[in-house]
Amino acid sequence: MKKERKVYSCFIDQFKCINLILKIMGEKDKEIIGHNIKYLRKEKGFTQQELADRRGIRRASIGAYEECRATPR
């Protein structure tokens, strides 16, 4: 019984570690996407409103993407 508990505990610790790594990677991906959207928007000379109108979304969504508070769906 002790060995089972130890194996289970080890599995839970590894699972927590993997979840943490995935969470960190997800935040980094969100940051990269946001910076790319802002860079490309400025490169094309669009305002956030102009880009939002072209994409059919709200201007606030563009701002959220660029500030890494959300990711495009």
C-alpha atoms as a PDB file:
ATOM      1  CA  MET A   1       0.000   0.000   0.000  1.00  0.00           C
ATOM      2  CA  LYS A   2       2.830   2.421   0.822  1.00  0.00           C
ATOM      3  CA  LYS A   3       4.444   1.888  -2.569  1.00  0.00           C
ATOM      4  CA  GLU A   4       1.136   2.608  -4.352  1.00  0.00           C
ATOM      5  CA  ARG A   5       0.719   5.821  -2.387  1.00  0.00           C
ATOM      6  CA  LYS A   6       4.282   6.911  -3.223  1.00  0.00           C
ATOM      7  CA  VAL A   7       3.807   6.221  -6.952  1.00  0.00           C
ATOM      8  CA  TYR A   8       0.486   8.069  -6.918  1.00  0.00           C
ATOM      9  CA  SER A   9       2.049  11.027  -5.097  1.00  0.00           C
ATOM     10  CA  CYS A  10       4.902  11.149  -7.594  1.00  0.00           C
ATOM     11  CA  PHE A  11       2.397  11.087 -10.473  1.00  0.00           C
ATOM     12  CA  ILE A  12       0.428  13.983  -8.941  1.00  0.00           C
ATOM     13  CA  ASP A  13       3.609  16.041  -8.515  1.00  0.00           C
ATOM     14  CA  GLN A  14       4.578  15.420 -12.146  1.00  0.00           C
ATOM     15  CA  PHE A  15       1.069  16.314 -13.286  1.00  0.00           C
ATOM     16  CA  LYS A  16       1.209  19.606 -11.355  1.00  0.00           C
ATOM     17  CA  CYS A  17       4.594  20.365 -12.874  1.00  0.00           C
ATOM     18  CA  ILE A  18       3.348  19.661 -16.412  1.00  0.00           C
ATOM     19  CA  ASN A  19       0.297  21.856 -15.849  1.00  0.00           C
ATOM     20  CA  LEU A  20       2.518  24.683 -14.630  1.00  0.00           C
ATOM     21  CA  ILE A  21       4.776  24.365 -17.681  1.00  0.00           C
ATOM     22  CA  LEU A  22       1.767  24.391 -20.022  1.00  0.00           C
ATOM     23  CA  LYS A  23       0.351  27.429 -18.253  1.00  0.00           C
ATOM     24  CA  ILE A  24       3.639  29.312 -18.611  1.00  0.00           C
ATOM     25  CA  MET A  25       3.922  28.336 -22.280  1.00  0.00           C
ATOM     26  CA  GLY A  26       0.361  29.484 -22.852  1.00  0.00           C
ATOM     27  CA  GLU A  27       1.112  32.906 -21.377  1.00  0.00           C
ATOM     28  CA  LYS A  28       4.238  33.210 -23.504  1.00  0.00           C
ATOM     29  CA  ASP A  29       2.279  32.264 -26.628  1.00  0.00           C
ATOM     30  CA  LYS A  30      -0.352  34.869 -25.769  1.00  0.00           C
ATOM     31  CA  GLU A  31       2.392  37.484 -25.392  1.00  0.00           C
ATOM     32  CA  ILE A  32       3.961  36.591 -28.755  1.00  0.00           C
ATOM     33  CA  ILE A  33       0.589  36.731 -30.527  1.00  0.00           C
ATOM     34  CA  GLY A  34      -0.231  40.098 -28.969  1.00  0.00           C
ATOM     35  CA  HIS A  35       3.090  41.641 -29.933  1.00  0.00           C
ATOM     36  CA  ASN A  36       2.793  40.302 -33.489  1.00  0.00           C
ATOM     37  CA  ILE A  37      -0.709  41.732 -33.933  1.00  0.00           C
ATOM     38  CA  LYS A  38       0.430  45.157 -32.736  1.00  0.00           C
ATOM     39  CA  TYR A  39       3.591  45.084 -34.857  1.00  0.00           C
ATOM     40  CA  LEU A  40       1.764  44.066 -38.037  1.00  0.00           C
ATOM     41  CA  ARG A  41      -1.085  46.531 -37.439  1.00  0.00           C
ATOM     42  CA  LYS A  42       1.385  49.400 -37.095  1.00  0.00           C
ATOM     43  CA  GLU A  43       3.445  48.133 -40.026  1.00  0.00           C
ATOM     44  CA  LYS A  44       0.325  48.390 -42.220  1.00  0.00           C
ATOM     45  CA  GLY A  45      -0.538  51.805 -40.777  1.00  0.00           C
ATOM     46  CA  PHE A  46      -3.911  50.767 -39.311  1.00  0.00           C
ATOM     47  CA  THR A  47      -5.468  52.080 -36.136  1.00  0.00           C
ATOM     48  CA  GLN A  48      -6.999  49.552 -33.766  1.00  0.00           C
ATOM     49  CA  GLN A  49     -10.441  50.681 -34.965  1.00  0.00           C
ATOM     50  CA  GLU A  50      -9.544  50.229 -38.642  1.00  0.00           C
ATOM     51  CA  LEU A  51      -8.225  46.715 -38.003  1.00  0.00           C
ATOM     52  CA  ALA A  52     -11.286  45.850 -35.917  1.00  0.00           C
ATOM     53  CA  ASP A  53     -13.601  47.080 -38.687  1.00  0.00           C
ATOM     54  CA  ARG A  54     -11.746  45.005 -41.280  1.00  0.00           C
ATOM     55  CA  ARG A  55     -11.953  41.893 -39.065  1.00  0.00           C
ATOM     56  CA  GLY A  56     -15.552  42.483 -37.980  1.00  0.00           C
ATOM     57  CA  ILE A  57     -14.753  42.618 -34.268  1.00  0.00           C
ATOM     58  CA  ARG A  58     -14.784  45.272 -31.550  1.00  0.00           C
ATOM     59  CA  ARG A  59     -11.867  47.678 -31.134  1.00  0.00           C
ATOM     60  CA  ALA A  60     -11.615  46.598 -27.483  1.00  0.00           C
ATOM     61  CA  SER A  61     -10.818  43.066 -28.656  1.00  0.00           C
ATOM     62  CA  ILE A  62      -7.849  44.314 -30.667  1.00  0.00           C
ATOM     63  CA  GLY A  63      -6.613  46.210 -27.602  1.00  0.00           C
ATOM     64  CA  ALA A  64      -7.023  43.113 -25.438  1.00  0.00           C
ATOM     65  CA  TYR A  65      -5.058  41.010 -27.942  1.00  0.00           C
ATOM     66  CA  GLU A  66      -2.237  43.544 -28.117  1.00  0.00           C
ATOM     67  CA  GLU A  67      -2.061  43.872 -24.328  1.00  0.00           C
ATOM     68  CA  CYS A  68      -2.014  40.072 -23.953  1.00  0.00           C
ATOM     69  CA  ARG A  69      -5.280  39.991 -21.989  1.00  0.00           C
ATOM     70  CA  ALA A  70      -6.937  37.756 -24.612  1.00  0.00           C
ATOM     71  CA  THR A  71      -6.093  35.674 -27.665  1.00  0.00           C
ATOM     72  CA  PRO A  72      -7.917  35.569 -30.990  1.00  0.00           C
ATOM     73  CA  ARG A  73     -10.251  32.650 -31.522  1.00  0.00           C
END
